[in-house]
Amino acid sequence: MTVSRALSFDTAAARYDAARPGYPPALFDAVEELAGRPLEGAEVLDVGAGTGIATRLLCARGAGVTAVEPGPGMAGQFRRATPGVRLVRATGDALPFAAATADLVTYAQSWHWTDPARSLPEALRVLRPGGTLALWWNTADAAVDWVAAQDQRLRRDLGGAAHGAHDRERSLPAGTPSTDRRIRWSRRVPLDTHLANLGSHSLLLTADPGAARAFLERERAELLAAFPDGTVVEPYTVHLTTTRRSTA
C-alpha cells in the first residue's frame, strides 16, 4: 500500500463515480445476517467512502451513515453525488469518533489502503459491544476467459493487475475471528463504461499517461472482438469479511 496510489483516485473522481460497479442486494443481506441486525436504523461509519457508491446503498437500506474519506477530490465528488450525508475527512487509521458509537463500520474497496495494525483497533474502539466490522471488495471473476486474458495484458503491458487487492491485503490480522462470504453477480455495461471503470483503477492512474491511453485504445479493440455489440458483461465476486466486537 502506498499513499500515492491510495490518493490517485482523486484525479479521476467523477469517472470513478460514474463507471465503478455498485453492489448486489445479496451483499447487504449477508451483512445483516452476519451482523445479527438489520441495516435499517443502524449507525454506520463507511470508511474510505470514496464518491459514496456504497454509502448510498447503505442509506437506501435505512442506515444512518457517516462517511469517512481522506482524499479531497473524492470527497468533493461525494458531496456532489451524495448530498445530505455527513462526510468527515479522515482515515481508518485514526478515526475521529468517540468510543462505542457505531453499530457497524464498513470498508468498501478500501481496507487494503489502511494499516490493519492501526485500523482494526480503531474500528473495534468505535464499535458498540457486539457491533460489526465489515470489509468487502468487488473482484472481477478471473475464471471467465476474457477477464483472465485482460489481466494477462495488464501484467504484460503495465506490470500488474487492476482487478482487486491481493488476498493478503484483504485479510484481517492473524488470529482475528472472522467470517467470510463470497457473492457472485454481474452487470451489463457499454464498452465505454467498462473502459472508464478500468481506467479508474490505481494501476492505470499511476501509470505513464501515454502508456495508459495506449493500453485502453488496444483494449477497446480486444473487447470489441469479444463483445461485438459493444455491451460488456462484467462478472464479479464480492469478497465479504466480517468480525464483531466482543459484548464483554
C-alpha atoms as a PDB file:
ATOM      1  CA  MET A   1       0.000   0.000   0.000  1.00  0.00           C
ATOM      2  CA  THR A   2       1.304   3.443  -0.908  1.00  0.00           C
ATOM      3  CA  VAL A   3      -0.159   6.858  -0.184  1.00  0.00           C
ATOM      4  CA  SER A   4       0.354   7.955  -3.801  1.00  0.00           C
ATOM      5  CA  ARG A   5      -1.684   5.031  -5.123  1.00  0.00           C
ATOM      6  CA  ALA A   6      -4.321   5.466  -2.431  1.00  0.00           C
ATOM      7  CA  LEU A   7      -4.801   9.137  -3.356  1.00  0.00           C
ATOM      8  CA  SER A   8      -4.504   8.571  -7.124  1.00  0.00           C
ATOM      9  CA  PHE A   9      -8.295   8.243  -7.326  1.00  0.00           C
ATOM     10  CA  ASP A  10      -8.613  11.977  -6.634  1.00  0.00           C
ATOM     11  CA  THR A  11      -7.580  12.636 -10.237  1.00  0.00           C
ATOM     12  CA  ALA A  12     -10.492  10.606 -11.597  1.00  0.00           C
ATOM     13  CA  ALA A  13     -13.254  11.036  -9.010  1.00  0.00           C
ATOM     14  CA  ALA A  14     -16.103  11.788 -11.445  1.00  0.00           C
ATOM     15  CA  ARG A  15     -15.115   8.898 -13.726  1.00  0.00           C
ATOM     16  CA  TYR A  16     -14.842   6.616 -10.700  1.00  0.00           C
ATOM     17  CA  ASP A  17     -18.335   7.537  -9.528  1.00  0.00           C
ATOM     18  CA  ALA A  18     -19.889   7.113 -12.970  1.00  0.00           C
ATOM     19  CA  ALA A  19     -18.170   3.896 -14.040  1.00  0.00           C
ATOM     20  CA  ARG A  20     -17.381   1.782 -10.977  1.00  0.00           C
ATOM     21  CA  PRO A  21     -19.837  -1.012 -10.188  1.00  0.00           C
ATOM     22  CA  GLY A  22     -22.153  -0.930  -7.222  1.00  0.00           C
ATOM     23  CA  TYR A  23     -23.018  -3.967  -5.102  1.00  0.00           C
ATOM     24  CA  PRO A  24     -25.852  -6.521  -5.264  1.00  0.00           C
ATOM     25  CA  PRO A  25     -28.661  -6.618  -2.678  1.00  0.00           C
ATOM     26  CA  ALA A  26     -27.397 -10.059  -1.614  1.00  0.00           C
ATOM     27  CA  LEU A  27     -24.288  -8.414  -0.172  1.00  0.00           C
ATOM     28  CA  PHE A  28     -26.309  -6.270   2.217  1.00  0.00           C
ATOM     29  CA  ASP A  29     -28.499  -9.246   3.094  1.00  0.00           C
ATOM     30  CA  ALA A  30     -25.303 -11.082   4.105  1.00  0.00           C
ATOM     31  CA  VAL A  31     -24.039  -8.103   6.115  1.00  0.00           C
ATOM     32  CA  GLU A  32     -27.315  -8.009   8.041  1.00  0.00           C
ATOM     33  CA  GLU A  33     -27.176 -11.759   8.673  1.00  0.00           C
ATOM     34  CA  LEU A  34     -23.600 -11.714   9.927  1.00  0.00           C
ATOM     35  CA  ALA A  35     -24.163  -8.558  11.992  1.00  0.00           C
ATOM     36  CA  GLY A  36     -27.251 -10.096  13.574  1.00  0.00           C
ATOM     37  CA  ARG A  37     -29.307  -6.959  12.971  1.00  0.00           C
ATOM     38  CA  PRO A  38     -30.967  -5.015  10.142  1.00  0.00           C
ATOM     39  CA  LEU A  39     -29.250  -2.090   8.484  1.00  0.00           C
ATOM     40  CA  GLU A  40     -32.393  -0.039   8.993  1.00  0.00           C
ATOM     41  CA  GLY A  41     -31.754   2.207  11.979  1.00  0.00           C
ATOM     42  CA  ALA A  42     -28.103   1.167  12.329  1.00  0.00           C
ATOM     43  CA  GLU A  43     -25.444   3.805  12.944  1.00  0.00           C
ATOM     44  CA  VAL A  44     -22.804   3.140  10.281  1.00  0.00           C
ATOM     45  CA  LEU A  45     -19.333   4.558   9.643  1.00  0.00           C
ATOM     46  CA  ASP A  46     -18.463   3.978   5.978  1.00  0.00           C
ATOM     47  CA  VAL A  47     -14.679   4.345   5.914  1.00  0.00           C
ATOM     48  CA  GLY A  48     -12.829   5.078   2.691  1.00  0.00           C
ATOM     49  CA  ALA A  49     -16.210   6.034   1.271  1.00  0.00           C
ATOM     50  CA  GLY A  50     -14.767   7.470  -1.925  1.00  0.00           C
ATOM     51  CA  THR A  51     -17.518   9.037  -4.012  1.00  0.00           C
ATOM     52  CA  GLY A  52     -20.264   7.371  -1.972  1.00  0.00           C
ATOM     53  CA  ILE A  53     -21.138   4.311  -4.064  1.00  0.00           C
ATOM     54  CA  ALA A  54     -21.541   2.035  -1.023  1.00  0.00           C
ATOM     55  CA  THR A  55     -22.735   4.884   1.197  1.00  0.00           C
ATOM     56  CA  ARG A  56     -25.774   5.492  -0.989  1.00  0.00           C
ATOM     57  CA  LEU A  57     -26.709   1.810  -0.958  1.00  0.00           C
ATOM     58  CA  LEU A  58     -26.360   1.654   2.833  1.00  0.00           C
ATOM     59  CA  CYS A  59     -28.599   4.711   3.154  1.00  0.00           C
ATOM     60  CA  ALA A  60     -31.136   3.084   0.843  1.00  0.00           C
ATOM     61  CA  ARG A  61     -31.339   0.194   3.327  1.00  0.00           C
ATOM     62  CA  GLY A  62     -32.288   2.654   6.060  1.00  0.00           C
ATOM     63  CA  ALA A  63     -28.914   3.033   7.794  1.00  0.00           C
ATOM     64  CA  GLY A  64     -27.767   6.296   9.321  1.00  0.00           C
ATOM     65  CA  VAL A  65     -24.388   6.709   7.653  1.00  0.00           C
ATOM     66  CA  THR A  66     -21.410   8.919   8.364  1.00  0.00           C
ATOM     67  CA  ALA A  67     -18.864   8.711   5.565  1.00  0.00           C
ATOM     68  CA  VAL A  68     -15.109   8.919   6.148  1.00  0.00           C
ATOM     69  CA  GLU A  69     -12.868   9.865   3.212  1.00  0.00           C
ATOM     70  CA  PRO A  70      -9.351  11.353   3.180  1.00  0.00           C
ATOM     71  CA  GLY A  71      -8.999  12.368  -0.482  1.00  0.00           C
ATOM     72  CA  PRO A  72     -10.085  15.913  -1.387  1.00  0.00           C
ATOM     73  CA  GLY A  73     -11.105  15.013  -4.930  1.00  0.00           C
ATOM     74  CA  MET A  74     -13.129  12.007  -3.878  1.00  0.00           C
ATOM     75  CA  ALA A  75     -14.678  13.986  -1.013  1.00  0.00           C
ATOM     76  CA  GLY A  76     -15.701  16.742  -3.410  1.00  0.00           C
ATOM     77  CA  GLN A  77     -17.390  14.261  -5.739  1.00  0.00           C
ATOM     78  CA  PHE A  78     -19.033  12.614  -2.720  1.00  0.00           C
ATOM     79  CA  ARG A  79     -20.604  15.915  -1.686  1.00  0.00           C
ATOM     80  CA  ARG A  80     -21.912  16.487  -5.225  1.00  0.00           C
ATOM     81  CA  ALA A  81     -23.275  12.943  -5.638  1.00  0.00           C
ATOM     82  CA  THR A  82     -24.433  12.267  -2.067  1.00  0.00           C
ATOM     83  CA  PRO A  83     -25.912  15.459  -0.631  1.00  0.00           C
ATOM     84  CA  GLY A  84     -27.271  15.384   2.882  1.00  0.00           C
ATOM     85  CA  VAL A  85     -24.970  12.638   4.176  1.00  0.00           C
ATOM     86  CA  ARG A  86     -22.372  13.629   6.762  1.00  0.00           C
ATOM     87  CA  LEU A  87     -18.790  13.393   5.497  1.00  0.00           C
ATOM     88  CA  VAL A  88     -15.691  13.525   7.693  1.00  0.00           C
ATOM     89  CA  ARG A  89     -12.209  13.933   6.215  1.00  0.00           C
ATOM     90  CA  ALA A  90     -10.092  11.272   7.946  1.00  0.00           C
ATOM     91  CA  THR A  91      -8.535   7.833   7.531  1.00  0.00           C
ATOM     92  CA  GLY A  92      -9.349   4.495   9.093  1.00  0.00           C
ATOM     93  CA  ASP A  93      -6.019   4.512  10.897  1.00  0.00           C
ATOM     94  CA  ALA A  94      -7.191   7.388  13.117  1.00  0.00           C
ATOM     95  CA  LEU A  95     -10.976   7.646  13.317  1.00  0.00           C
ATOM     96  CA  PRO A  96     -12.124  10.946  14.875  1.00  0.00           C
ATOM     97  CA  PHE A  97     -15.086   9.433  16.715  1.00  0.00           C
ATOM     98  CA  ALA A  98     -15.832   8.606  20.340  1.00  0.00           C
ATOM     99  CA  ALA A  99     -15.626   5.027  21.548  1.00  0.00           C
ATOM    100  CA  ALA A 100     -18.645   2.731  21.264  1.00  0.00           C
ATOM    101  CA  THR A 101     -20.701   4.975  18.972  1.00  0.00           C
ATOM    102  CA  ALA A 102     -21.261   2.820  15.858  1.00  0.00           C
ATOM    103  CA  ASP A 103     -23.252  -0.331  15.210  1.00  0.00           C
ATOM    104  CA  LEU A 104     -21.349  -1.093  12.018  1.00  0.00           C
ATOM    105  CA  VAL A 105     -18.065   0.000  10.447  1.00  0.00           C
ATOM    106  CA  THR A 106     -17.786  -0.705   6.722  1.00  0.00           C
ATOM    107  CA  TYR A 107     -14.921  -0.663   4.252  1.00  0.00           C
ATOM    108  CA  ALA A 108     -15.962  -0.985   0.600  1.00  0.00           C
ATOM    109  CA  GLN A 109     -12.898  -1.426  -1.643  1.00  0.00           C
ATOM    110  CA  SER A 110     -10.734   0.407   0.893  1.00  0.00           C
ATOM    111  CA  TRP A 111      -9.369  -1.775   3.724  1.00  0.00           C
ATOM    112  CA  HIS A 112      -6.188  -2.528   1.747  1.00  0.00           C
ATOM    113  CA  TRP A 113      -5.327   1.188   1.845  1.00  0.00           C
ATOM    114  CA  THR A 114      -5.063   1.082   5.651  1.00  0.00           C
ATOM    115  CA  ASP A 115      -2.523  -0.225   8.144  1.00  0.00           C
ATOM    116  CA  PRO A 116      -4.513  -3.076   9.767  1.00  0.00           C
ATOM    117  CA  ALA A 117      -2.366  -2.900  12.904  1.00  0.00           C
ATOM    118  CA  ARG A 118      -3.938   0.532  13.456  1.00  0.00           C
ATOM    119  CA  SER A 119      -7.256   0.362  11.597  1.00  0.00           C
ATOM    120  CA  LEU A 120      -8.531  -2.820  13.279  1.00  0.00           C
ATOM    121  CA  PRO A 121      -8.121  -1.465  16.849  1.00  0.00           C
ATOM    122  CA  GLU A 122      -9.695   1.814  15.708  1.00  0.00           C
ATOM    123  CA  ALA A 123     -12.707   0.044  14.232  1.00  0.00           C
ATOM    124  CA  LEU A 124     -13.181  -2.071  17.352  1.00  0.00           C
ATOM    125  CA  ARG A 125     -12.824   1.030  19.544  1.00  0.00           C
ATOM    126  CA  VAL A 126     -15.636   2.942  17.837  1.00  0.00           C
ATOM    127  CA  LEU A 127     -17.955  -0.068  17.614  1.00  0.00           C
ATOM    128  CA  ARG A 128     -20.506  -0.673  20.313  1.00  0.00           C
ATOM    129  CA  PRO A 129     -20.230  -4.040  22.106  1.00  0.00           C
ATOM    130  CA  GLY A 130     -21.497  -6.654  19.650  1.00  0.00           C
ATOM    131  CA  GLY A 131     -21.005  -4.284  16.705  1.00  0.00           C
ATOM    132  CA  THR A 132     -19.620  -5.489  13.386  1.00  0.00           C
ATOM    133  CA  LEU A 133     -16.715  -4.545  11.133  1.00  0.00           C
ATOM    134  CA  ALA A 134     -17.494  -5.476   7.511  1.00  0.00           C
ATOM    135  CA  LEU A 135     -14.957  -5.347   4.666  1.00  0.00           C
ATOM    136  CA  TRP A 136     -15.816  -6.085   1.062  1.00  0.00           C
ATOM    137  CA  TRP A 137     -14.404  -5.928  -2.447  1.00  0.00           C
ATOM    138  CA  ASN A 138     -15.804  -6.387  -5.920  1.00  0.00           C
ATOM    139  CA  THR A 139     -13.307  -8.577  -7.769  1.00  0.00           C
ATOM    140  CA  ALA A 140     -13.632  -9.342 -11.474  1.00  0.00           C
ATOM    141  CA  ASP A 141     -14.024 -13.090 -11.908  1.00  0.00           C
ATOM    142  CA  ALA A 142     -10.754 -14.282 -13.460  1.00  0.00           C
ATOM    143  CA  ALA A 143     -12.300 -17.718 -14.036  1.00  0.00           C
ATOM    144  CA  VAL A 144     -14.026 -16.059 -17.022  1.00  0.00           C
ATOM    145  CA  ASP A 145     -11.782 -16.279 -20.079  1.00  0.00           C
ATOM    146  CA  TRP A 146     -11.947 -12.652 -21.202  1.00  0.00           C
ATOM    147  CA  VAL A 147     -11.226 -11.336 -17.683  1.00  0.00           C
ATOM    148  CA  ALA A 148      -8.205 -13.660 -17.371  1.00  0.00           C
ATOM    149  CA  ALA A 149      -6.944 -12.507 -20.766  1.00  0.00           C
ATOM    150  CA  GLN A 150      -7.350  -8.858 -19.773  1.00  0.00           C
ATOM    151  CA  ASP A 151      -5.380  -9.460 -16.577  1.00  0.00           C
ATOM    152  CA  GLN A 152      -2.595 -11.055 -18.619  1.00  0.00           C
ATOM    153  CA  ARG A 153      -2.448  -7.989 -20.873  1.00  0.00           C
ATOM    154  CA  LEU A 154      -2.374  -5.677 -17.842  1.00  0.00           C
ATOM    155  CA  ARG A 155       0.534  -7.614 -16.347  1.00  0.00           C
ATOM    156  CA  ARG A 156       2.378  -7.713 -19.647  1.00  0.00           C
ATOM    157  CA  ASP A 157       1.901  -4.059 -20.608  1.00  0.00           C
ATOM    158  CA  LEU A 158       1.611  -2.233 -17.272  1.00  0.00           C
ATOM    159  CA  GLY A 159       3.227  -4.590 -14.780  1.00  0.00           C
ATOM    160  CA  GLY A 160       0.211  -5.521 -12.685  1.00  0.00           C
ATOM    161  CA  ALA A 161      -3.468  -6.418 -12.491  1.00  0.00           C
ATOM    162  CA  ALA A 162      -6.263  -3.917 -11.901  1.00  0.00           C
ATOM    163  CA  HIS A 163      -8.951  -6.259 -10.708  1.00  0.00           C
ATOM    164  CA  GLY A 164      -8.582  -6.127  -6.932  1.00  0.00           C
ATOM    165  CA  ALA A 165      -6.285  -6.284  -3.943  1.00  0.00           C
ATOM    166  CA  HIS A 166      -4.269  -9.392  -3.203  1.00  0.00           C
ATOM    167  CA  ASP A 167      -5.846 -11.836  -0.764  1.00  0.00           C
ATOM    168  CA  ARG A 168      -3.323 -10.946   1.938  1.00  0.00           C
ATOM    169  CA  GLU A 169      -4.323  -7.270   1.629  1.00  0.00           C
ATOM    170  CA  ARG A 170      -7.969  -8.222   2.148  1.00  0.00           C
ATOM    171  CA  SER A 171      -7.206 -10.127   5.316  1.00  0.00           C
ATOM    172  CA  LEU A 172      -7.726  -9.138   8.905  1.00  0.00           C
ATOM    173  CA  PRO A 173      -4.659  -9.562  11.136  1.00  0.00           C
ATOM    174  CA  ALA A 174      -3.826 -13.159  12.002  1.00  0.00           C
ATOM    175  CA  GLY A 175      -5.842 -14.514  14.893  1.00  0.00           C
ATOM    176  CA  THR A 176      -8.832 -12.220  14.362  1.00  0.00           C
ATOM    177  CA  PRO A 177     -12.051 -14.275  14.490  1.00  0.00           C
ATOM    178  CA  SER A 178     -13.895 -13.617  11.253  1.00  0.00           C
ATOM    179  CA  THR A 179     -16.488 -14.923   8.824  1.00  0.00           C
ATOM    180  CA  ASP A 180     -16.136 -14.836   5.036  1.00  0.00           C
ATOM    181  CA  ARG A 181     -18.742 -14.881   2.288  1.00  0.00           C
ATOM    182  CA  ARG A 182     -18.457 -14.900  -1.498  1.00  0.00           C
ATOM    183  CA  ILE A 183     -21.298 -13.442  -3.577  1.00  0.00           C
ATOM    184  CA  ARG A 184     -21.293 -13.745  -7.358  1.00  0.00           C
ATOM    185  CA  TRP A 185     -23.068 -11.263  -9.592  1.00  0.00           C
ATOM    186  CA  SER A 186     -22.657  -9.439 -12.895  1.00  0.00           C
ATOM    187  CA  ARG A 187     -23.631  -6.271 -14.705  1.00  0.00           C
ATOM    188  CA  ARG A 188     -24.022  -5.334 -18.374  1.00  0.00           C
ATOM    189  CA  VAL A 189     -22.457  -2.009 -19.380  1.00  0.00           C
ATOM    190  CA  PRO A 190     -21.486  -0.186 -22.586  1.00  0.00           C
ATOM    191  CA  LEU A 191     -17.879  -0.717 -23.653  1.00  0.00           C
ATOM    192  CA  ASP A 192     -17.080   2.943 -22.877  1.00  0.00           C
ATOM    193  CA  THR A 193     -18.269   2.442 -19.283  1.00  0.00           C
ATOM    194  CA  HIS A 194     -16.131  -0.674 -18.906  1.00  0.00           C
ATOM    195  CA  LEU A 195     -13.062   1.169 -20.209  1.00  0.00           C
ATOM    196  CA  ALA A 196     -13.761   4.120 -17.906  1.00  0.00           C
ATOM    197  CA  ASN A 197     -14.063   1.688 -15.000  1.00  0.00           C
ATOM    198  CA  LEU A 198     -10.774   0.040 -15.962  1.00  0.00           C
ATOM    199  CA  GLY A 199      -9.090   3.424 -16.332  1.00  0.00           C
ATOM    200  CA  SER A 200     -10.214   4.440 -12.825  1.00  0.00           C
ATOM    201  CA  HIS A 201      -8.044   1.761 -11.159  1.00  0.00           C
ATOM    202  CA  SER A 202      -4.875   2.875  -9.429  1.00  0.00           C
ATOM    203  CA  LEU A 203      -2.676   0.776 -11.737  1.00  0.00           C
ATOM    204  CA  LEU A 204      -3.687   2.881 -14.728  1.00  0.00           C
ATOM    205  CA  LEU A 205      -3.999   6.157 -12.831  1.00  0.00           C
ATOM    206  CA  THR A 206      -0.378   5.923 -11.679  1.00  0.00           C
ATOM    207  CA  ALA A 207       0.987   4.640 -14.988  1.00  0.00           C
ATOM    208  CA  ASP A 208       2.569   6.900 -17.586  1.00  0.00           C
ATOM    209  CA  PRO A 209      -0.441   8.735 -19.093  1.00  0.00           C
ATOM    210  CA  GLY A 210       0.580   7.884 -22.639  1.00  0.00           C
ATOM    211  CA  ALA A 211       1.023   4.220 -21.800  1.00  0.00           C
ATOM    212  CA  ALA A 212      -2.357   4.124 -20.032  1.00  0.00           C
ATOM    213  CA  ARG A 213      -4.123   5.753 -23.018  1.00  0.00           C
ATOM    214  CA  ALA A 214      -2.451   3.392 -25.471  1.00  0.00           C
ATOM    215  CA  PHE A 215      -3.408   0.385 -23.359  1.00  0.00           C
ATOM    216  CA  LEU A 216      -7.065   1.431 -23.230  1.00  0.00           C
ATOM    217  CA  GLU A 217      -7.110   2.001 -27.004  1.00  0.00           C
ATOM    218  CA  ARG A 218      -5.759  -1.505 -27.579  1.00  0.00           C
ATOM    219  CA  GLU A 219      -8.186  -2.885 -25.030  1.00  0.00           C
ATOM    220  CA  ARG A 220     -11.114  -1.383 -26.917  1.00  0.00           C
ATOM    221  CA  ALA A 221     -10.179  -3.442 -29.986  1.00  0.00           C
ATOM    222  CA  GLU A 222      -9.675  -6.599 -27.902  1.00  0.00           C
ATOM    223  CA  LEU A 223     -13.072  -6.253 -26.232  1.00  0.00           C
ATOM    224  CA  LEU A 224     -14.947  -5.470 -29.418  1.00  0.00           C
ATOM    225  CA  ALA A 225     -13.776  -8.849 -30.670  1.00  0.00           C
ATOM    226  CA  ALA A 226     -15.260 -10.482 -27.567  1.00  0.00           C
ATOM    227  CA  PHE A 227     -18.374  -8.260 -27.383  1.00  0.00           C
ATOM    228  CA  PRO A 228     -19.171  -7.159 -30.954  1.00  0.00           C
ATOM    229  CA  ASP A 229     -22.427  -5.491 -29.903  1.00  0.00           C
ATOM    230  CA  GLY A 230     -20.455  -3.124 -27.642  1.00  0.00           C
ATOM    231  CA  THR A 231     -22.052  -4.339 -24.395  1.00  0.00           C
ATOM    232  CA  VAL A 232     -19.665  -5.875 -21.876  1.00  0.00           C
ATOM    233  CA  VAL A 233     -20.873  -8.385 -19.297  1.00  0.00           C
ATOM    234  CA  GLU A 234     -18.676  -7.795 -16.231  1.00  0.00           C
ATOM    235  CA  PRO A 235     -18.664 -10.809 -13.868  1.00  0.00           C
ATOM    236  CA  TYR A 236     -17.850 -10.115 -10.222  1.00  0.00           C
ATOM    237  CA  THR A 237     -17.399 -11.916  -6.955  1.00  0.00           C
ATOM    238  CA  VAL A 238     -17.896  -9.804  -3.843  1.00  0.00           C
ATOM    239  CA  HIS A 239     -15.455 -10.896  -1.126  1.00  0.00           C
ATOM    240  CA  LEU A 240     -17.019 -10.090   2.261  1.00  0.00           C
ATOM    241  CA  THR A 241     -15.238 -10.474   5.599  1.00  0.00           C
ATOM    242  CA  THR A 242     -16.743  -9.585   8.974  1.00  0.00           C
ATOM    243  CA  THR A 243     -15.648  -9.586  12.583  1.00  0.00           C
ATOM    244  CA  ARG A 244     -17.580  -8.500  15.663  1.00  0.00           C
ATOM    245  CA  ARG A 245     -16.587  -6.627  18.761  1.00  0.00           C
ATOM    246  CA  SER A 246     -16.978  -8.703  21.880  1.00  0.00           C
ATOM    247  CA  THR A 247     -20.025  -7.988  24.014  1.00  0.00           C
ATOM    248  CA  ALA A 248     -17.871  -8.267  27.166  1.00  0.00           C
END
